[in-house]
Amino acid sequence: MNDPQQTVAIAYDGLCLFEFGVATELFGLPRPELDMDWYTFRTISIDAGPLTALGGVRLEADHDLDALAGAGTIVIPGWKGPDVEPPPELLDALRTAHARGARIMTICSGVFVLAATGLLDGLEATTHWRYTDDLRARRPAITVVPDVLFVDNGQLLTSAGSAAGLDLGLHLIRRDHGADVANRVARRLVLPPQRDGGQAQFIVRSIDERTATETGIAQTLDWALERLAEPLEVADLAAHAAMSPRTFARRFAADTGTTPHRWLTRQRVIAAQTLLETTDEPIDRVATECGFGSAATLRRHFTALVQTTPTAYRSRFRAAPAPA
C-alpha cells in the first residue's frame, strides 16, 4: 500500500533549483512545531554522476529510480525543456508508480515529463503560461487550462509557474492534514494559505507589487477578513476602498484575477475549515460565524470548493487536537 507521506523528488542534469527548493521546503523541511509525523523526503537522480544544476551548482543524489518503488508522492520539479524527451526508464517507472496508486505532482515545465507518460491524456492540466501553447501542440489529448495556479486530478497534479508549486504543495498538505496544518505551513513560508484567481493575474503585476495607497485593495482585503461574519456586499468593500462599486469590481478583478464575491466565498470556506477542525461548534453556528447565514448555504459552497461536506470534512480532520 502506498504511503503518501513517503515523498520523492526527481533530480536531473540541468535541475531547476527553485522548483526543487519548493519541493524540499514543503515536504523535506523538519517541522517540529507541528508535533506530528511529517513527510519523509528523498531525492533520486535519473542521470549518472554528479549533476550540474542551473546556476552552475553541482549536486549528487543518494538514490536512483529504484527508490520510486516505495514512494507515495512523486514530485517532478521542472524539466530540461519542452523539446527534451524524458528517458524511457523514467516514464516506465512513473507509469508503474501511478498504477500502484502513487500520486505525481509537477511544477512548471515538469508537466512535460508527466505528459510524456500518457497518463494525462483525457485529463486537464496546466503549466507556466509561456508553455501552454507548446503543451497543447505536443499533447493534444490533454485539456490545457492556462489560467489556473494548479489542477488536481486526484493522483495527478500539475501546477503553473514555479511559485505555483508552493500553491499546489500547500493544497496537497491541506488534502493530507487539513486546513489548519496547511495554514501553519503557509505562515512559516510567509505566504497566504490560498491564492485566488489564476496565473493570468501575474502576467502583468500582482497585488503584492502594488501599494495599498495606490489601489486601496490590500487594506480592504484585510478589513474584510476581519468581518467575514458580517453580510458584506461589493458595495461595502467599495465604500471602504473609497471607490464606486463598478470601479472597485474592475480594479479587484485586475489585481486578484477573481471577483469580490468569489473571493469572499473562498475566504469564508477557509474560515469554516478552521472552525470545523479546531472546534465542536454545530454546523449552523459555523455557518453563522463564517458569514454564510445558514447550514444549507455553507454546505453548498463548501462542497463546491472542498469537494466534500462540512460534516465529512470534520470527521476526517477533527481528530487532531487544536494547536495552542
Protein backbone atom coordinates (compact mmCIF):
# COMPACT_ATOMS: atom_id res chain seq x y z
CA MET A 1 0.00 0.00 0.00
CA ASN A 2 1.31 3.46 -0.89
CA ASP A 3 2.05 5.88 1.91
CA PRO A 4 1.54 9.45 0.63
CA GLN A 5 3.92 10.64 3.35
CA GLN A 6 6.81 8.89 1.55
CA THR A 7 7.85 11.65 -0.84
CA VAL A 8 10.44 11.54 -3.61
CA ALA A 9 11.70 14.41 -5.77
CA ILE A 10 13.30 13.71 -9.15
CA ALA A 11 16.64 15.36 -9.89
CA TYR A 12 18.30 15.55 -13.29
CA ASP A 13 21.19 17.23 -15.05
CA GLY A 14 20.16 20.85 -15.54
CA LEU A 15 17.91 20.70 -12.44
CA CYS A 16 15.68 23.74 -11.86
CA LEU A 17 16.86 24.72 -8.38
CA PHE A 18 13.93 26.91 -7.43
CA GLU A 19 11.38 24.22 -8.23
CA PHE A 20 13.48 21.63 -6.41
CA GLY A 21 13.74 24.01 -3.47
CA VAL A 22 9.95 24.32 -3.41
CA ALA A 23 9.61 20.53 -3.06
CA THR A 24 12.29 20.41 -0.36
CA GLU A 25 10.80 23.31 1.60
CA LEU A 26 7.30 21.86 1.55
CA PHE A 27 7.99 18.19 2.18
CA GLY A 28 11.61 17.83 3.29
CA LEU A 29 11.96 20.55 5.93
CA PRO A 30 11.53 19.29 9.52
CA ARG A 31 8.54 20.86 11.25
CA PRO A 32 8.83 20.19 14.99
CA GLU A 33 6.35 22.98 15.70
CA LEU A 34 3.57 20.79 14.27
CA ASP A 35 4.22 17.92 16.71
CA MET A 36 3.19 15.29 14.15
CA ASP A 37 4.69 12.80 11.74
CA TRP A 38 5.77 14.80 8.71
CA TYR A 39 6.68 13.63 5.23
CA THR A 40 9.83 11.64 4.65
CA PHE A 41 11.75 13.09 1.74
CA ARG A 42 14.28 11.58 -0.64
CA THR A 43 15.88 12.75 -3.85
CA ILE A 44 16.55 10.43 -6.75
CA SER A 45 18.78 11.08 -9.74
CA ILE A 46 17.89 9.93 -13.23
CA ASP A 47 21.29 10.92 -14.65
CA ALA A 48 24.60 9.28 -13.82
CA GLY A 49 27.27 11.01 -11.76
CA PRO A 50 27.15 14.41 -10.09
CA LEU A 51 24.52 16.71 -11.55
CA THR A 52 25.03 20.27 -12.69
CA ALA A 53 22.00 22.34 -11.74
CA LEU A 54 21.07 25.69 -13.20
CA GLY A 55 23.46 28.35 -11.94
CA GLY A 56 26.47 26.04 -12.01
CA VAL A 57 25.69 24.27 -8.72
CA ARG A 58 26.85 20.65 -8.60
CA LEU A 59 24.97 18.08 -6.55
CA GLU A 60 24.64 14.35 -6.11
CA ALA A 61 21.54 12.40 -5.07
CA ASP A 62 21.64 9.39 -2.74
CA HIS A 63 19.08 7.34 -4.65
CA ASP A 64 18.24 6.18 -8.17
CA LEU A 65 14.99 5.16 -9.88
CA ASP A 66 14.66 2.10 -7.66
CA ALA A 67 13.61 4.43 -4.84
CA LEU A 68 10.36 5.19 -6.66
CA ALA A 69 9.13 1.73 -5.67
CA GLY A 70 8.20 2.86 -2.17
CA ALA A 71 7.08 6.41 -2.93
CA GLY A 72 3.53 7.51 -2.34
CA THR A 73 4.12 11.06 -3.60
CA ILE A 74 6.45 11.89 -6.50
CA VAL A 75 7.44 15.47 -7.31
CA ILE A 76 8.79 16.44 -10.74
CA PRO A 77 10.38 19.88 -10.17
CA GLY A 78 10.53 21.34 -13.66
CA TRP A 79 12.27 19.80 -16.65
CA LYS A 80 15.15 20.43 -19.04
CA GLY A 81 12.82 21.83 -21.70
CA PRO A 82 9.62 21.04 -23.60
CA ASP A 83 11.60 19.63 -26.50
CA VAL A 84 13.74 17.29 -24.37
CA GLU A 85 12.27 13.79 -24.28
CA PRO A 86 12.42 12.15 -20.83
CA PRO A 87 14.29 8.82 -20.65
CA PRO A 88 12.05 5.78 -21.27
CA GLU A 89 13.06 4.17 -17.98
CA LEU A 90 11.76 7.22 -16.08
CA LEU A 91 8.45 7.16 -17.96
CA ASP A 92 8.04 3.44 -17.28
CA ALA A 93 8.79 3.96 -13.58
CA LEU A 94 6.21 6.74 -13.36
CA ARG A 95 3.56 4.61 -15.07
CA THR A 96 4.29 1.75 -12.68
CA ALA A 97 4.11 4.07 -9.66
CA HIS A 98 0.80 5.50 -10.85
CA ALA A 99 -0.62 2.00 -11.42
CA ARG A 100 0.06 1.07 -7.81
CA GLY A 101 -1.60 4.24 -6.54
CA ALA A 102 1.20 6.78 -6.11
CA ARG A 103 0.35 10.40 -6.80
CA ILE A 104 2.53 12.52 -9.07
CA MET A 105 2.91 16.28 -8.71
CA THR A 106 4.60 18.50 -11.31
CA ILE A 107 5.89 22.03 -11.01
CA CYS A 108 6.04 24.32 -14.04
CA SER A 109 7.68 22.54 -17.02
CA GLY A 110 7.71 19.25 -15.12
CA VAL A 111 4.32 18.65 -16.72
CA PHE A 112 6.09 17.69 -19.96
CA VAL A 113 7.56 14.63 -18.22
CA LEU A 114 4.18 13.55 -16.88
CA ALA A 115 2.53 14.27 -20.23
CA ALA A 116 5.05 12.03 -21.99
CA THR A 117 3.81 9.07 -19.91
CA GLY A 118 0.35 9.39 -21.50
CA LEU A 119 -1.23 9.42 -18.03
CA LEU A 120 -2.63 12.92 -18.53
CA ASP A 121 -4.42 12.05 -21.77
CA GLY A 122 -8.11 12.90 -21.43
CA LEU A 123 -7.48 14.99 -18.31
CA GLU A 124 -6.98 18.67 -17.52
CA ALA A 125 -3.51 20.02 -16.78
CA THR A 126 -1.70 23.32 -16.52
CA THR A 127 1.82 24.70 -16.77
CA HIS A 128 3.52 28.09 -16.95
CA TRP A 129 1.65 30.41 -19.29
CA ARG A 130 4.71 30.55 -21.57
CA TYR A 131 4.42 26.79 -22.18
CA THR A 132 0.66 26.29 -22.54
CA ASP A 133 0.59 26.56 -26.34
CA ASP A 134 3.56 24.22 -26.59
CA LEU A 135 1.87 21.66 -24.33
CA ARG A 136 -1.33 21.83 -26.42
CA ALA A 137 0.59 21.30 -29.63
CA ARG A 138 2.68 18.41 -28.33
CA ARG A 139 -0.07 16.65 -26.34
CA PRO A 140 -3.46 17.40 -27.95
CA ALA A 141 -5.15 14.69 -25.85
CA ILE A 142 -4.61 16.86 -22.77
CA THR A 143 -7.05 19.66 -21.96
CA VAL A 144 -4.70 22.52 -21.10
CA VAL A 145 -6.11 25.03 -18.62
CA PRO A 146 -3.97 28.15 -19.00
CA ASP A 147 -5.32 30.50 -16.33
CA VAL A 148 -5.19 28.50 -13.09
CA LEU A 149 -2.47 28.05 -10.50
CA PHE A 150 -2.84 24.28 -10.35
CA VAL A 151 -5.05 21.36 -11.42
CA ASP A 152 -5.83 18.44 -9.08
CA ASN A 153 -6.90 15.23 -10.79
CA GLY A 154 -6.57 13.18 -7.62
CA GLN A 155 -3.44 11.14 -8.37
CA LEU A 156 -2.08 13.53 -10.97
CA LEU A 157 -1.49 17.16 -10.02
CA THR A 158 0.04 19.91 -12.15
CA SER A 159 0.98 23.50 -11.30
CA ALA A 160 1.65 26.62 -13.29
CA GLY A 161 4.79 28.76 -12.96
CA SER A 162 7.48 27.95 -10.43
CA ALA A 163 5.93 29.70 -7.43
CA ALA A 164 2.61 27.99 -8.16
CA GLY A 165 4.35 24.83 -6.96
CA LEU A 166 4.01 26.33 -3.49
CA ASP A 167 0.27 26.74 -4.01
CA LEU A 168 -0.07 23.15 -5.18
CA GLY A 169 2.10 21.84 -2.37
CA LEU A 170 0.04 23.66 0.25
CA HIS A 171 -3.09 22.28 -1.42
CA LEU A 172 -1.67 18.76 -1.13
CA ILE A 173 -0.77 19.32 2.53
CA ARG A 174 -4.32 20.58 3.07
CA ARG A 175 -5.64 17.39 1.47
CA ASP A 176 -3.47 15.25 3.74
CA HIS A 177 -3.61 17.13 7.04
CA GLY A 178 -6.36 19.73 6.88
CA ALA A 179 -6.57 23.49 6.60
CA ASP A 180 -5.08 24.32 9.99
CA VAL A 181 -1.81 22.48 9.29
CA ALA A 182 -1.61 23.94 5.77
CA ASN A 183 -2.21 27.43 7.18
CA ARG A 184 0.60 26.99 9.70
CA VAL A 185 3.00 25.80 7.00
CA ALA A 186 1.98 28.79 4.85
CA ARG A 187 2.56 31.12 7.78
CA ARG A 188 6.09 29.80 8.20
CA LEU A 189 6.64 30.31 4.47
CA VAL A 190 5.22 33.85 4.83
CA LEU A 191 2.59 33.00 2.20
CA PRO A 192 -1.19 33.25 2.03
CA PRO A 193 -2.75 29.81 2.64
CA GLN A 194 -4.61 30.05 -0.67
CA ARG A 195 -4.31 32.49 -3.55
CA ASP A 196 -7.44 33.29 -5.50
CA GLY A 197 -7.57 33.65 -9.24
CA GLY A 198 -5.27 32.17 -11.84
CA GLN A 199 -1.84 32.85 -13.23
CA ALA A 200 -3.20 35.41 -15.69
CA GLN A 201 -3.06 37.97 -12.90
CA PHE A 202 0.74 37.56 -12.73
CA ILE A 203 1.49 38.23 -16.37
CA VAL A 204 1.42 41.94 -15.66
CA ARG A 205 1.57 42.73 -11.94
CA SER A 206 0.21 41.03 -8.85
CA ILE A 207 -1.45 42.73 -5.92
CA ASP A 208 1.73 42.40 -3.86
CA GLU A 209 3.55 44.65 -6.31
CA ARG A 210 1.08 47.47 -5.80
CA THR A 211 0.92 49.52 -2.65
CA ALA A 212 -2.23 49.86 -0.61
CA THR A 213 -2.21 53.60 -1.21
CA GLU A 214 -2.05 53.04 -4.97
CA THR A 215 -5.12 50.79 -5.22
CA GLY A 216 -6.83 50.69 -1.82
CA ILE A 217 -7.39 46.97 -2.39
CA ALA A 218 -4.86 45.48 0.04
CA GLN A 219 -6.21 47.31 3.08
CA THR A 220 -9.76 46.45 2.07
CA LEU A 221 -8.92 42.75 1.91
CA ASP A 222 -7.55 42.87 5.46
CA TRP A 223 -10.61 44.81 6.58
CA ALA A 224 -12.95 42.25 5.03
CA LEU A 225 -11.12 39.28 6.54
CA GLU A 226 -11.82 40.69 9.99
CA ARG A 227 -15.55 40.91 9.22
CA LEU A 228 -16.38 37.65 7.44
CA ALA A 229 -19.35 37.03 9.75
CA GLU A 230 -20.98 40.23 8.55
CA PRO A 231 -23.23 40.30 5.45
CA LEU A 232 -20.62 42.05 3.31
CA GLU A 233 -21.55 43.12 -0.20
CA VAL A 234 -19.43 44.52 -3.01
CA ALA A 235 -20.78 47.96 -2.14
CA ASP A 236 -19.39 47.63 1.39
CA LEU A 237 -15.92 46.74 0.14
CA ALA A 238 -16.08 49.50 -2.45
CA ALA A 239 -17.06 52.05 0.18
CA HIS A 240 -14.11 51.02 2.35
CA ALA A 241 -11.78 51.40 -0.64
CA ALA A 242 -13.37 54.79 -1.46
CA MET A 243 -14.41 53.66 -4.93
CA SER A 244 -17.65 53.18 -6.78
CA PRO A 245 -18.84 49.52 -6.86
CA ARG A 246 -18.18 49.31 -10.59
CA THR A 247 -14.66 50.74 -10.32
CA PHE A 248 -13.90 48.55 -7.31
CA ALA A 249 -15.08 45.36 -9.05
CA ARG A 250 -12.96 46.18 -12.11
CA ARG A 251 -9.87 47.00 -10.03
CA PHE A 252 -10.40 43.94 -7.83
CA ALA A 253 -10.52 41.63 -10.85
CA ALA A 254 -7.40 43.22 -12.33
CA ASP A 255 -5.46 42.83 -9.08
CA THR A 256 -6.62 39.40 -7.93
CA GLY A 257 -7.88 37.59 -11.03
CA THR A 258 -11.27 36.90 -9.44
CA THR A 259 -14.44 38.71 -8.36
CA PRO A 260 -15.11 40.14 -4.89
CA HIS A 261 -17.95 37.67 -4.40
CA ARG A 262 -15.82 34.63 -5.26
CA TRP A 263 -13.00 35.88 -3.08
CA LEU A 264 -15.31 36.37 -0.10
CA THR A 265 -16.82 32.93 -0.59
CA ARG A 266 -13.42 31.27 -0.62
CA GLN A 267 -12.24 33.15 2.47
CA ARG A 268 -15.41 32.12 4.30
CA VAL A 269 -14.86 28.48 3.33
CA ILE A 270 -11.27 28.68 4.63
CA ALA A 271 -12.57 30.11 7.92
CA ALA A 272 -15.14 27.29 8.08
CA GLN A 273 -12.42 24.68 7.55
CA THR A 274 -10.50 26.04 10.53
CA LEU A 275 -13.58 26.06 12.77
CA LEU A 276 -14.54 22.53 11.73
CA GLU A 277 -11.05 21.31 12.58
CA THR A 278 -10.49 23.15 15.83
CA THR A 279 -13.94 23.44 17.47
CA ASP A 280 -17.02 21.33 18.18
CA GLU A 281 -19.42 24.10 17.22
CA PRO A 282 -22.58 22.94 15.40
CA ILE A 283 -22.63 23.36 11.62
CA ASP A 284 -25.30 26.07 11.93
CA ARG A 285 -23.03 28.05 14.25
CA VAL A 286 -20.03 27.60 11.93
CA ALA A 287 -22.14 28.86 9.05
CA THR A 288 -23.14 31.96 11.01
CA GLU A 289 -19.62 32.78 12.20
CA CYS A 290 -18.26 32.49 8.66
CA GLY A 291 -20.94 34.69 7.09
CA PHE A 292 -22.94 32.03 5.23
CA GLY A 293 -26.09 32.58 7.28
CA SER A 294 -27.37 29.01 7.11
CA ALA A 295 -26.01 25.48 7.15
CA ALA A 296 -27.51 24.84 3.73
CA THR A 297 -25.60 27.76 2.19
CA LEU A 298 -22.40 26.66 3.90
CA ARG A 299 -22.81 23.10 2.62
CA ARG A 300 -23.40 24.28 -0.94
CA HIS A 301 -20.31 26.48 -1.14
CA PHE A 302 -18.13 24.19 0.98
CA THR A 303 -18.91 21.15 -1.17
CA ALA A 304 -18.27 23.11 -4.37
CA LEU A 305 -14.81 24.24 -3.25
CA VAL A 306 -13.59 21.41 -0.99
CA GLN A 307 -15.33 18.52 -2.77
CA THR A 308 -16.76 17.13 0.47
CA THR A 309 -19.40 18.11 3.01
CA PRO A 310 -18.61 20.06 6.20
CA THR A 311 -19.59 17.04 8.30
CA ALA A 312 -17.36 14.66 6.36
CA TYR A 313 -14.51 17.17 6.49
CA ARG A 314 -14.81 17.47 10.27
CA SER A 315 -14.86 13.70 10.75
CA ARG A 316 -11.59 13.44 8.82
CA PHE A 317 -9.63 16.32 10.32
CA ARG A 318 -11.14 16.99 13.76
CA ALA A 319 -9.19 14.12 15.34
CA ALA A 320 -6.07 16.26 15.79
CA PRO A 321 -6.16 18.45 18.92
CA ALA A 322 -6.40 22.17 18.37
CA PRO A 323 -2.99 23.89 18.49
CA ALA A 324 -2.24 26.26 21.34
